[in-house]
Amino acid sequence: MMSESVFFDNGKQTVLKEKTTEKTNKCPECGRGHLVRDYERGELVCEYCGAVVEEQIVDQGPDYRVFESGSGESRKHNGGPEDITKHDKGLTTEIAPKNKDCNGNSLSPTNRAMFYRLRKWQKRMRVSNGAERNMATAMMELDRIAATMVLSETVKGTAAMIYRRAVKKNLIRGRSIQGVVAASVYAACRQCGVPRTLDEISAACRVGRKEIGRTYRFMTRELKLKLLPTNPQDYVQRFCSELNLNGEVQNMTTQILRDAHEKEITSGKGPTGVAAAAIYISAIKCNKRRTQKDVADVAGVTEVTIRNRYKEIAEILGIEIQV
């Protein structure tokens, strides 16, 4: 078969014919094999005598759509994309809870009762077995944690993917759904470069930090997640924002952390404590003083940790601080 490509001009198909040269497809009137397939009329026509060999042909090709001028080559399909943060990936139909028709008029009591039964059976069909019920519960918990912690859609989608991988490898057996979801969120935050502490995750998901850490280490080992160690610089912008510190303090904090990394001061120490100590030093140097208690509350560490870290950094880097 010899076919011609379909071109688009201003969002419209201009070439809608395809020639067939197969010997088995011959015109029954003239016996020639040059047939033209006209997609606009849905007919198979002989190129020489004009006889209609076949009509009402169904196009078996992909259902591409053209929404605007010049978008014919983009090959867009019908329907929206999959949503991995939903247990059914958003591919099912939802019946609106409003008892109104398309014109905004209220439904009659008979139709209202019918739609009530349809909604009930729709909900039951969306969650038909234990696996789907587990996934639905997990995705609802993920939505709640993401809303509480104000996480981006990227982090939320990454956490959903990690949880689905854990379910596929049967890693949730013997563990709570909340714990696995919390560990997935913690891993997703680190993977997307917006790390959160275990205390923050624990406060948002109502699961102990020990259980989250234990589940996270287990999932990292089984799923072979390649996560780099957390960098103290990843916490600077968020901590400074919560302490109402300007860009000057952030820039100085970043420079202090770079110098500390070159001197290997940050090696083997908690990144939140090091970041908090650098912010404390920068705030003093920029005349934007914050108490050790304020910085410790934001960073989730103790005041003793900040004192030990900032004294060590100031001594090795030669920074003079007037407390």
C-alpha atoms as a PDB file:
ATOM      1  CA  MET A   1       0.000   0.000   0.000  1.00  0.00           C
ATOM      2  CA  MET A   2       1.334   3.468  -0.872  1.00  0.00           C
ATOM      3  CA  SER A   3      -0.049   6.167   1.417  1.00  0.00           C
ATOM      4  CA  GLU A   4       0.195   9.938   1.543  1.00  0.00           C
ATOM      5  CA  SER A   5       0.854  11.845   4.766  1.00  0.00           C
ATOM      6  CA  VAL A   6      -1.904  13.913   6.302  1.00  0.00           C
ATOM      7  CA  PHE A   7      -1.010  17.615   6.557  1.00  0.00           C
ATOM      8  CA  PHE A   8      -2.626  20.339   8.614  1.00  0.00           C
ATOM      9  CA  ASP A   9      -3.254  23.876   7.436  1.00  0.00           C
ATOM     10  CA  ASN A  10      -4.636  26.343  10.005  1.00  0.00           C
ATOM     11  CA  GLY A  11      -5.840  23.499  12.152  1.00  0.00           C
ATOM     12  CA  LYS A  12      -7.640  21.693   9.286  1.00  0.00           C
ATOM     13  CA  GLN A  13      -6.773  18.593   7.361  1.00  0.00           C
ATOM     14  CA  THR A  14      -6.052  19.442   3.727  1.00  0.00           C
ATOM     15  CA  VAL A  15      -4.903  16.052   2.398  1.00  0.00           C
ATOM     16  CA  LEU A  16      -7.484  13.469   3.280  1.00  0.00           C
ATOM     17  CA  LYS A  17      -6.831  10.809   0.658  1.00  0.00           C
ATOM     18  CA  GLU A  18      -4.769   7.666   0.641  1.00  0.00           C
ATOM     19  CA  LYS A  19      -3.934   5.601  -2.443  1.00  0.00           C
ATOM     20  CA  THR A  20      -3.894   1.817  -2.348  1.00  0.00           C
ATOM     21  CA  THR A  21      -2.015  -0.189  -4.986  1.00  0.00           C
ATOM     22  CA  GLU A  22      -2.615  -3.696  -3.706  1.00  0.00           C
ATOM     23  CA  LYS A  23      -3.595  -6.179  -6.416  1.00  0.00           C
ATOM     24  CA  THR A  24      -6.384  -7.606  -4.260  1.00  0.00           C
ATOM     25  CA  ASN A  25      -8.076  -4.171  -4.031  1.00  0.00           C
ATOM     26  CA  LYS A  26      -9.375  -3.592  -7.541  1.00  0.00           C
ATOM     27  CA  CYS A  27     -12.292  -1.611  -8.819  1.00  0.00           C
ATOM     28  CA  PRO A  28     -15.223  -3.969  -9.586  1.00  0.00           C
ATOM     29  CA  GLU A  29     -16.268  -1.730 -12.537  1.00  0.00           C
ATOM     30  CA  CYS A  30     -13.039  -1.117 -14.491  1.00  0.00           C
ATOM     31  CA  GLY A  31     -10.772  -3.715 -12.865  1.00  0.00           C
ATOM     32  CA  ARG A  32      -7.979  -1.263 -12.080  1.00  0.00           C
ATOM     33  CA  GLY A  33      -6.237  -1.238  -8.711  1.00  0.00           C
ATOM     34  CA  HIS A  34      -5.787   2.497  -8.146  1.00  0.00           C
ATOM     35  CA  LEU A  35      -8.295   3.198  -5.394  1.00  0.00           C
ATOM     36  CA  VAL A  36      -8.476   6.395  -3.385  1.00  0.00           C
ATOM     37  CA  ARG A  37      -9.560   6.412   0.268  1.00  0.00           C
ATOM     38  CA  ASP A  38     -11.370   9.690   0.991  1.00  0.00           C
ATOM     39  CA  TYR A  39     -11.427  10.219   4.763  1.00  0.00           C
ATOM     40  CA  GLU A  40     -13.545  13.349   4.574  1.00  0.00           C
ATOM     41  CA  ARG A  41     -16.490  11.450   3.050  1.00  0.00           C
ATOM     42  CA  GLY A  42     -15.551   8.036   4.397  1.00  0.00           C
ATOM     43  CA  GLU A  43     -15.506   6.446   0.936  1.00  0.00           C
ATOM     44  CA  LEU A  44     -13.225   4.246  -1.168  1.00  0.00           C
ATOM     45  CA  VAL A  45     -13.356   5.575  -4.744  1.00  0.00           C
ATOM     46  CA  CYS A  46     -11.785   4.404  -8.003  1.00  0.00           C
ATOM     47  CA  GLU A  47      -9.349   7.026  -9.307  1.00  0.00           C
ATOM     48  CA  TYR A  48     -10.175   6.315 -12.981  1.00  0.00           C
ATOM     49  CA  CYS A  49     -13.881   5.611 -13.328  1.00  0.00           C
ATOM     50  CA  GLY A  50     -15.078   7.314 -10.119  1.00  0.00           C
ATOM     51  CA  ALA A  51     -17.027   4.306  -8.854  1.00  0.00           C
ATOM     52  CA  VAL A  52     -17.623   4.241  -5.113  1.00  0.00           C
ATOM     53  CA  VAL A  53     -16.262   0.861  -4.024  1.00  0.00           C
ATOM     54  CA  GLU A  54     -16.928   1.273  -0.300  1.00  0.00           C
ATOM     55  CA  GLU A  55     -18.634   3.923   1.816  1.00  0.00           C
ATOM     56  CA  GLN A  56     -19.099   4.853   5.476  1.00  0.00           C
ATOM     57  CA  ILE A  57     -15.552   3.772   6.309  1.00  0.00           C
ATOM     58  CA  VAL A  58     -14.610   3.998   9.989  1.00  0.00           C
ATOM     59  CA  ASP A  59     -11.239   5.649  10.631  1.00  0.00           C
ATOM     60  CA  GLN A  60      -9.242   3.214  12.798  1.00  0.00           C
ATOM     61  CA  GLY A  61      -6.368   5.659  13.380  1.00  0.00           C
ATOM     62  CA  PRO A  62      -5.511   7.484  16.623  1.00  0.00           C
ATOM     63  CA  ASP A  63      -7.956  10.097  17.869  1.00  0.00           C
ATOM     64  CA  TYR A  64      -5.830  13.216  17.436  1.00  0.00           C
ATOM     65  CA  ARG A  65      -7.443  16.568  18.068  1.00  0.00           C
ATOM     66  CA  VAL A  66      -6.586  20.059  16.884  1.00  0.00           C
ATOM     67  CA  PHE A  67      -7.551  22.864  19.269  1.00  0.00           C
ATOM     68  CA  GLU A  68      -5.910  25.887  17.648  1.00  0.00           C
ATOM     69  CA  SER A  69      -4.159  27.033  14.496  1.00  0.00           C
ATOM     70  CA  GLY A  70      -0.791  25.405  13.896  1.00  0.00           C
ATOM     71  CA  SER A  71      -1.207  22.702  16.551  1.00  0.00           C
ATOM     72  CA  GLY A  72      -1.924  19.863  14.166  1.00  0.00           C
ATOM     73  CA  GLU A  73       1.584  18.463  14.406  1.00  0.00           C
ATOM     74  CA  SER A  74       1.490  18.277  18.217  1.00  0.00           C
ATOM     75  CA  ARG A  75      -0.583  15.076  18.063  1.00  0.00           C
ATOM     76  CA  LYS A  76      -2.743  15.740  21.094  1.00  0.00           C
ATOM     77  CA  HIS A  77      -5.055  12.987  22.302  1.00  0.00           C
ATOM     78  CA  ASN A  78      -8.473  13.270  23.864  1.00  0.00           C
ATOM     79  CA  GLY A  79      -8.814  13.444  27.623  1.00  0.00           C
ATOM     80  CA  GLY A  80      -6.558  14.743  30.345  1.00  0.00           C
ATOM     81  CA  PRO A  81      -3.299  13.182  31.555  1.00  0.00           C
ATOM     82  CA  GLU A  82      -3.046  10.612  34.308  1.00  0.00           C
ATOM     83  CA  ASP A  83      -2.872  11.880  37.880  1.00  0.00           C
ATOM     84  CA  ILE A  84      -0.562   9.602  39.830  1.00  0.00           C
ATOM     85  CA  THR A  85      -1.621  11.170  43.139  1.00  0.00           C
ATOM     86  CA  LYS A  86      -5.066   9.557  42.823  1.00  0.00           C
ATOM     87  CA  HIS A  87      -5.539   5.876  43.580  1.00  0.00           C
ATOM     88  CA  ASP A  88      -7.167   5.236  40.177  1.00  0.00           C
ATOM     89  CA  LYS A  89      -4.864   7.755  38.411  1.00  0.00           C
ATOM     90  CA  GLY A  90      -7.895   9.935  37.709  1.00  0.00           C
ATOM     91  CA  LEU A  91      -9.177   7.750  34.867  1.00  0.00           C
ATOM     92  CA  THR A  92     -12.653   7.088  36.256  1.00  0.00           C
ATOM     93  CA  THR A  93     -15.791   9.166  35.897  1.00  0.00           C
ATOM     94  CA  GLU A  94     -17.056  11.208  38.832  1.00  0.00           C
ATOM     95  CA  ILE A  95     -20.706  12.164  39.290  1.00  0.00           C
ATOM     96  CA  ALA A  96     -21.101  15.706  40.611  1.00  0.00           C
ATOM     97  CA  PRO A  97     -22.793  16.010  44.025  1.00  0.00           C
ATOM     98  CA  LYS A  98     -25.087  18.826  42.826  1.00  0.00           C
ATOM     99  CA  ASN A  99     -28.687  17.816  42.131  1.00  0.00           C
ATOM    100  CA  LYS A 100     -29.039  20.114  39.109  1.00  0.00           C
ATOM    101  CA  ASP A 101     -29.193  19.552  35.382  1.00  0.00           C
ATOM    102  CA  CYS A 102     -27.081  21.210  32.680  1.00  0.00           C
ATOM    103  CA  ASN A 103     -29.336  24.287  32.713  1.00  0.00           C
ATOM    104  CA  GLY A 104     -29.009  24.778  36.477  1.00  0.00           C
ATOM    105  CA  ASN A 105     -32.539  23.588  37.238  1.00  0.00           C
ATOM    106  CA  SER A 106     -33.196  21.353  40.233  1.00  0.00           C
ATOM    107  CA  LEU A 107     -33.832  17.689  39.544  1.00  0.00           C
ATOM    108  CA  SER A 108     -37.121  16.051  40.231  1.00  0.00           C
ATOM    109  CA  PRO A 109     -37.371  13.779  43.312  1.00  0.00           C
ATOM    110  CA  THR A 110     -37.274  10.699  41.060  1.00  0.00           C
ATOM    111  CA  ASN A 111     -34.104  11.785  39.237  1.00  0.00           C
ATOM    112  CA  ARG A 112     -32.533  12.922  42.517  1.00  0.00           C
ATOM    113  CA  ALA A 113     -32.999   9.462  43.993  1.00  0.00           C
ATOM    114  CA  MET A 114     -31.634   7.868  40.826  1.00  0.00           C
ATOM    115  CA  PHE A 115     -28.469   9.991  40.894  1.00  0.00           C
ATOM    116  CA  TYR A 116     -28.037   9.265  44.592  1.00  0.00           C
ATOM    117  CA  ARG A 117     -27.938   5.536  43.799  1.00  0.00           C
ATOM    118  CA  LEU A 118     -25.549   6.164  40.888  1.00  0.00           C
ATOM    119  CA  ARG A 119     -23.144   8.084  43.134  1.00  0.00           C
ATOM    120  CA  LYS A 120     -23.272   5.344  45.750  1.00  0.00           C
ATOM    121  CA  TRP A 121     -22.461   2.586  43.276  1.00  0.00           C
ATOM    122  CA  GLN A 122     -19.816   4.737  41.606  1.00  0.00           C
ATOM    123  CA  LYS A 123     -17.975   5.126  44.924  1.00  0.00           C
ATOM    124  CA  ARG A 124     -18.206   1.389  45.549  1.00  0.00           C
ATOM    125  CA  MET A 125     -16.916   0.545  42.090  1.00  0.00           C
ATOM    126  CA  ARG A 126     -13.906   2.890  42.394  1.00  0.00           C
ATOM    127  CA  VAL A 127     -12.734   1.015  45.502  1.00  0.00           C
ATOM    128  CA  SER A 128     -13.641  -2.606  44.810  1.00  0.00           C
ATOM    129  CA  ASN A 129     -10.919  -4.565  46.643  1.00  0.00           C
ATOM    130  CA  GLY A 130      -8.387  -4.326  49.440  1.00  0.00           C
ATOM    131  CA  ALA A 131      -5.526  -3.083  47.268  1.00  0.00           C
ATOM    132  CA  GLU A 132      -7.560  -0.195  45.871  1.00  0.00           C
ATOM    133  CA  ARG A 133      -8.862   0.622  49.357  1.00  0.00           C
ATOM    134  CA  ASN A 134      -5.290   0.739  50.638  1.00  0.00           C
ATOM    135  CA  MET A 135      -4.207   2.993  47.785  1.00  0.00           C
ATOM    136  CA  ALA A 136      -7.199   5.297  48.245  1.00  0.00           C
ATOM    137  CA  THR A 137      -6.457   5.692  51.964  1.00  0.00           C
ATOM    138  CA  ALA A 138      -2.773   6.357  51.260  1.00  0.00           C
ATOM    139  CA  MET A 139      -3.472   8.988  48.606  1.00  0.00           C
ATOM    140  CA  MET A 140      -5.918  10.771  50.922  1.00  0.00           C
ATOM    141  CA  GLU A 141      -3.251  10.813  53.646  1.00  0.00           C
ATOM    142  CA  LEU A 142      -0.720  12.109  51.123  1.00  0.00           C
ATOM    143  CA  ASP A 143      -3.078  14.942  50.123  1.00  0.00           C
ATOM    144  CA  ARG A 144      -3.527  15.913  53.768  1.00  0.00           C
ATOM    145  CA  ILE A 145       0.221  15.917  54.508  1.00  0.00           C
ATOM    146  CA  ALA A 146       1.009  17.881  51.339  1.00  0.00           C
ATOM    147  CA  ALA A 147      -1.619  20.495  52.219  1.00  0.00           C
ATOM    148  CA  THR A 148      -0.381  20.753  55.814  1.00  0.00           C
ATOM    149  CA  MET A 149       3.273  21.147  54.816  1.00  0.00           C
ATOM    150  CA  VAL A 150       2.521  23.223  51.681  1.00  0.00           C
ATOM    151  CA  LEU A 151       4.412  20.866  49.374  1.00  0.00           C
ATOM    152  CA  SER A 152       4.587  21.360  45.628  1.00  0.00           C
ATOM    153  CA  GLU A 153       2.942  19.087  43.079  1.00  0.00           C
ATOM    154  CA  THR A 154       6.360  17.769  42.075  1.00  0.00           C
ATOM    155  CA  VAL A 155       7.120  16.576  45.597  1.00  0.00           C
ATOM    156  CA  LYS A 156       3.617  15.173  45.937  1.00  0.00           C
ATOM    157  CA  GLY A 157       3.879  13.225  42.683  1.00  0.00           C
ATOM    158  CA  THR A 158       7.320  11.886  43.616  1.00  0.00           C
ATOM    159  CA  ALA A 159       5.998  10.686  46.969  1.00  0.00           C
ATOM    160  CA  ALA A 160       3.069   8.960  45.252  1.00  0.00           C
ATOM    161  CA  MET A 161       5.453   7.187  42.853  1.00  0.00           C
ATOM    162  CA  ILE A 162       7.653   5.993  45.736  1.00  0.00           C
ATOM    163  CA  TYR A 163       4.607   4.676  47.611  1.00  0.00           C
ATOM    164  CA  ARG A 164       3.351   2.837  44.520  1.00  0.00           C
ATOM    165  CA  ARG A 165       6.752   1.203  44.116  1.00  0.00           C
ATOM    166  CA  ALA A 166       6.629   0.126  47.762  1.00  0.00           C
ATOM    167  CA  VAL A 167       3.165  -1.381  47.269  1.00  0.00           C
ATOM    168  CA  LYS A 168       4.302  -3.187  44.122  1.00  0.00           C
ATOM    169  CA  LYS A 169       7.195  -4.795  46.012  1.00  0.00           C
ATOM    170  CA  ASN A 170       4.899  -5.634  48.951  1.00  0.00           C
ATOM    171  CA  LEU A 171       6.898  -3.514  51.412  1.00  0.00           C
ATOM    172  CA  ILE A 172       3.856  -2.226  53.298  1.00  0.00           C
ATOM    173  CA  ARG A 173       2.997  -5.587  54.838  1.00  0.00           C
ATOM    174  CA  GLY A 174       3.242  -5.319  58.612  1.00  0.00           C
ATOM    175  CA  ARG A 175       3.583  -1.515  58.512  1.00  0.00           C
ATOM    176  CA  SER A 176       1.052   1.257  58.912  1.00  0.00           C
ATOM    177  CA  ILE A 177      -0.140   3.160  55.862  1.00  0.00           C
ATOM    178  CA  GLN A 178       0.574   6.468  57.594  1.00  0.00           C
ATOM    179  CA  GLY A 179       4.160   5.429  58.346  1.00  0.00           C
ATOM    180  CA  VAL A 180       4.914   4.365  54.778  1.00  0.00           C
ATOM    181  CA  VAL A 181       3.313   7.523  53.356  1.00  0.00           C
ATOM    182  CA  ALA A 182       5.337   9.676  55.772  1.00  0.00           C
ATOM    183  CA  ALA A 183       8.554   7.906  54.778  1.00  0.00           C
ATOM    184  CA  SER A 184       7.660   8.387  51.096  1.00  0.00           C
ATOM    185  CA  VAL A 185       7.123  12.111  51.672  1.00  0.00           C
ATOM    186  CA  TYR A 186      10.456  12.385  53.508  1.00  0.00           C
ATOM    187  CA  ALA A 187      12.270  10.608  50.661  1.00  0.00           C
ATOM    188  CA  ALA A 188      10.484  12.713  48.029  1.00  0.00           C
ATOM    189  CA  CYS A 189      11.464  15.958  49.764  1.00  0.00           C
ATOM    190  CA  ARG A 190      15.110  14.925  49.788  1.00  0.00           C
ATOM    191  CA  GLN A 191      14.981  13.716  46.196  1.00  0.00           C
ATOM    192  CA  CYS A 192      13.432  16.996  44.971  1.00  0.00           C
ATOM    193  CA  GLY A 193      15.952  19.168  46.822  1.00  0.00           C
ATOM    194  CA  VAL A 194      13.483  20.608  49.374  1.00  0.00           C
ATOM    195  CA  PRO A 195      14.366  18.566  52.472  1.00  0.00           C
ATOM    196  CA  ARG A 196      12.207  18.541  55.570  1.00  0.00           C
ATOM    197  CA  THR A 197      13.262  17.303  58.979  1.00  0.00           C
ATOM    198  CA  LEU A 198      11.843  14.178  60.568  1.00  0.00           C
ATOM    199  CA  ASP A 199      10.246  16.340  63.258  1.00  0.00           C
ATOM    200  CA  GLU A 200       8.353  18.355  60.642  1.00  0.00           C
ATOM    201  CA  ILE A 201       7.147  15.200  58.893  1.00  0.00           C
ATOM    202  CA  SER A 202       6.172  13.661  62.233  1.00  0.00           C
ATOM    203  CA  ALA A 203       4.176  16.731  63.286  1.00  0.00           C
ATOM    204  CA  ALA A 204       2.257  16.736  59.994  1.00  0.00           C
ATOM    205  CA  CYS A 205       1.441  13.023  59.753  1.00  0.00           C
ATOM    206  CA  ARG A 206       0.981  12.081  63.433  1.00  0.00           C
ATOM    207  CA  VAL A 207       3.582   9.310  63.287  1.00  0.00           C
ATOM    208  CA  GLY A 208       6.635   9.072  65.537  1.00  0.00           C
ATOM    209  CA  ARG A 209       9.955  10.192  64.066  1.00  0.00           C
ATOM    210  CA  LYS A 210      11.553   6.847  65.002  1.00  0.00           C
ATOM    211  CA  GLU A 211       8.981   4.915  62.992  1.00  0.00           C
ATOM    212  CA  ILE A 212       9.392   7.280  60.025  1.00  0.00           C
ATOM    213  CA  GLY A 213      13.188   6.951  60.126  1.00  0.00           C
ATOM    214  CA  ARG A 214      13.052   3.171  60.428  1.00  0.00           C
ATOM    215  CA  THR A 215      10.574   2.849  57.552  1.00  0.00           C
ATOM    216  CA  TYR A 216      12.562   5.306  55.436  1.00  0.00           C
ATOM    217  CA  ARG A 217      15.794   3.359  55.858  1.00  0.00           C
ATOM    218  CA  PHE A 218      14.027   0.108  55.010  1.00  0.00           C
ATOM    219  CA  MET A 219      12.407   1.557  51.871  1.00  0.00           C
ATOM    220  CA  THR A 220      15.661   3.174  50.762  1.00  0.00           C
ATOM    221  CA  ARG A 221      17.430  -0.169  51.012  1.00  0.00           C
ATOM    222  CA  GLU A 222      14.710  -2.242  49.319  1.00  0.00           C
ATOM    223  CA  LEU A 223      13.833   0.249  46.572  1.00  0.00           C
ATOM    224  CA  LYS A 224      17.498   1.197  46.067  1.00  0.00           C
ATOM    225  CA  LEU A 225      16.768   4.910  46.253  1.00  0.00           C
ATOM    226  CA  LYS A 226      19.880   6.922  45.464  1.00  0.00           C
ATOM    227  CA  LEU A 227      19.597   9.973  47.705  1.00  0.00           C
ATOM    228  CA  LEU A 228      22.494  12.310  48.351  1.00  0.00           C
ATOM    229  CA  PRO A 229      23.217  13.521  51.891  1.00  0.00           C
ATOM    230  CA  THR A 230      21.311  16.646  52.867  1.00  0.00           C
ATOM    231  CA  ASN A 231      23.211  19.886  52.348  1.00  0.00           C
ATOM    232  CA  PRO A 232      22.939  22.596  55.055  1.00  0.00           C
ATOM    233  CA  GLN A 233      22.487  25.193  52.309  1.00  0.00           C
ATOM    234  CA  ASP A 234      19.146  23.606  51.394  1.00  0.00           C
ATOM    235  CA  TYR A 235      17.675  24.857  54.692  1.00  0.00           C
ATOM    236  CA  VAL A 236      18.994  28.430  54.590  1.00  0.00           C
ATOM    237  CA  GLN A 237      16.267  30.068  52.526  1.00  0.00           C
ATOM    238  CA  ARG A 238      13.404  28.477  54.451  1.00  0.00           C
ATOM    239  CA  PHE A 239      14.879  29.170  57.882  1.00  0.00           C
ATOM    240  CA  CYS A 240      15.670  32.784  56.997  1.00  0.00           C
ATOM    241  CA  SER A 241      12.157  33.270  55.642  1.00  0.00           C
ATOM    242  CA  GLU A 242      10.599  32.007  58.865  1.00  0.00           C
ATOM    243  CA  LEU A 243      12.933  34.281  60.879  1.00  0.00           C
ATOM    244  CA  ASN A 244      12.105  37.317  58.666  1.00  0.00           C
ATOM    245  CA  LEU A 245      15.743  37.785  57.625  1.00  0.00           C
ATOM    246  CA  ASN A 246      16.639  39.563  54.393  1.00  0.00           C
ATOM    247  CA  GLY A 247      18.786  38.538  51.452  1.00  0.00           C
ATOM    248  CA  GLU A 248      21.948  40.005  52.953  1.00  0.00           C
ATOM    249  CA  VAL A 249      21.782  37.501  55.810  1.00  0.00           C
ATOM    250  CA  GLN A 250      21.096  34.668  53.374  1.00  0.00           C
ATOM    251  CA  ASN A 251      24.078  35.551  51.196  1.00  0.00           C
ATOM    252  CA  MET A 252      26.418  35.757  54.180  1.00  0.00           C
ATOM    253  CA  THR A 253      25.071  32.461  55.544  1.00  0.00           C
ATOM    254  CA  THR A 254      25.693  30.756  52.196  1.00  0.00           C
ATOM    255  CA  GLN A 255      29.256  32.057  52.120  1.00  0.00           C
ATOM    256  CA  ILE A 256      29.906  30.893  55.679  1.00  0.00           C
ATOM    257  CA  LEU A 257      28.606  27.430  54.843  1.00  0.00           C
ATOM    258  CA  ARG A 258      30.826  27.255  51.749  1.00  0.00           C
ATOM    259  CA  ASP A 259      33.892  28.176  53.789  1.00  0.00           C
ATOM    260  CA  ALA A 260      32.897  25.679  56.472  1.00  0.00           C
ATOM    261  CA  HIS A 261      32.525  22.958  53.857  1.00  0.00           C
ATOM    262  CA  GLU A 262      36.003  23.691  52.490  1.00  0.00           C
ATOM    263  CA  LYS A 263      37.419  23.439  56.018  1.00  0.00           C
ATOM    264  CA  GLU A 264      35.442  20.170  56.501  1.00  0.00           C
ATOM    265  CA  ILE A 265      33.649  21.608  59.533  1.00  0.00           C
ATOM    266  CA  THR A 266      30.261  20.297  58.383  1.00  0.00           C
ATOM    267  CA  SER A 267      31.460  16.703  58.011  1.00  0.00           C
ATOM    268  CA  GLY A 268      29.649  14.311  60.342  1.00  0.00           C
ATOM    269  CA  LYS A 269      27.322  16.954  61.800  1.00  0.00           C
ATOM    270  CA  GLY A 270      23.591  17.468  61.452  1.00  0.00           C
ATOM    271  CA  PRO A 271      22.800  19.782  58.519  1.00  0.00           C
ATOM    272  CA  THR A 272      20.008  21.621  60.352  1.00  0.00           C
ATOM    273  CA  GLY A 273      22.261  22.445  63.301  1.00  0.00           C
ATOM    274  CA  VAL A 274      25.045  23.713  61.042  1.00  0.00           C
ATOM    275  CA  ALA A 275      22.614  25.814  58.987  1.00  0.00           C
ATOM    276  CA  ALA A 276      21.065  27.275  62.156  1.00  0.00           C
ATOM    277  CA  ALA A 277      24.491  28.186  63.589  1.00  0.00           C
ATOM    278  CA  ALA A 278      25.526  29.891  60.323  1.00  0.00           C
ATOM    279  CA  ILE A 279      22.273  31.877  60.274  1.00  0.00           C
ATOM    280  CA  TYR A 280      22.814  32.910  63.891  1.00  0.00           C
ATOM    281  CA  ILE A 281      26.321  34.206  63.057  1.00  0.00           C
ATOM    282  CA  SER A 282      25.140  36.025  59.918  1.00  0.00           C
ATOM    283  CA  ALA A 283      22.242  37.687  61.744  1.00  0.00           C
ATOM    284  CA  ILE A 284      24.641  39.102  64.330  1.00  0.00           C
ATOM    285  CA  LYS A 285      27.121  40.324  61.691  1.00  0.00           C
ATOM    286  CA  CYS A 286      24.336  42.032  59.704  1.00  0.00           C
ATOM    287  CA  ASN A 287      22.779  43.684  62.811  1.00  0.00           C
ATOM    288  CA  LYS A 288      19.654  41.500  62.446  1.00  0.00           C
ATOM    289  CA  ARG A 289      20.018  39.734  65.763  1.00  0.00           C
ATOM    290  CA  ARG A 290      17.889  36.725  66.583  1.00  0.00           C
ATOM    291  CA  THR A 291      18.025  34.846  69.850  1.00  0.00           C
ATOM    292  CA  GLN A 292      19.359  31.319  69.986  1.00  0.00           C
ATOM    293  CA  LYS A 293      15.939  30.155  71.122  1.00  0.00           C
ATOM    294  CA  ASP A 294      14.212  31.660  68.057  1.00  0.00           C
ATOM    295  CA  VAL A 295      16.699  30.066  65.674  1.00  0.00           C
ATOM    296  CA  ALA A 296      16.526  26.741  67.528  1.00  0.00           C
ATOM    297  CA  ASP A 297      12.707  26.668  67.361  1.00  0.00           C
ATOM    298  CA  VAL A 298      12.720  27.265  63.610  1.00  0.00           C
ATOM    299  CA  ALA A 299      15.466  24.728  62.889  1.00  0.00           C
ATOM    300  CA  GLY A 300      14.115  22.095  65.260  1.00  0.00           C
ATOM    301  CA  VAL A 301      17.345  21.755  67.254  1.00  0.00           C
ATOM    302  CA  THR A 302      18.380  22.661  70.778  1.00  0.00           C
ATOM    303  CA  GLU A 303      20.086  25.870  71.886  1.00  0.00           C
ATOM    304  CA  VAL A 304      23.082  23.824  73.044  1.00  0.00           C
ATOM    305  CA  THR A 305      23.570  22.527  69.502  1.00  0.00           C
ATOM    306  CA  ILE A 306      23.576  26.062  68.096  1.00  0.00           C
ATOM    307  CA  ARG A 307      26.077  27.258  70.712  1.00  0.00           C
ATOM    308  CA  ASN A 308      28.462  24.385  70.059  1.00  0.00           C
ATOM    309  CA  ARG A 309      28.240  24.724  66.273  1.00  0.00           C
ATOM    310  CA  TYR A 310      28.570  28.495  66.028  1.00  0.00           C
ATOM    311  CA  LYS A 311      31.550  28.580  68.408  1.00  0.00           C
ATOM    312  CA  GLU A 312      33.293  25.901  66.362  1.00  0.00           C
ATOM    313  CA  ILE A 313      32.588  27.666  63.047  1.00  0.00           C
ATOM    314  CA  ALA A 314      33.637  31.064  64.384  1.00  0.00           C
ATOM    315  CA  GLU A 315      36.865  29.687  65.834  1.00  0.00           C
ATOM    316  CA  ILE A 316      38.015  27.796  62.747  1.00  0.00           C
ATOM    317  CA  LEU A 317      36.965  30.479  60.237  1.00  0.00           C
ATOM    318  CA  GLY A 318      38.270  33.322  62.404  1.00  0.00           C
ATOM    319  CA  ILE A 319      34.949  35.177  62.691  1.00  0.00           C
ATOM    320  CA  GLU A 320      34.701  37.649  65.549  1.00  0.00           C
ATOM    321  CA  ILE A 321      31.293  37.702  67.200  1.00  0.00           C
ATOM    322  CA  GLN A 322      30.138  40.107  69.877  1.00  0.00           C
ATOM    323  CA  VAL A 323      27.353  38.289  71.697  1.00  0.00           C
END
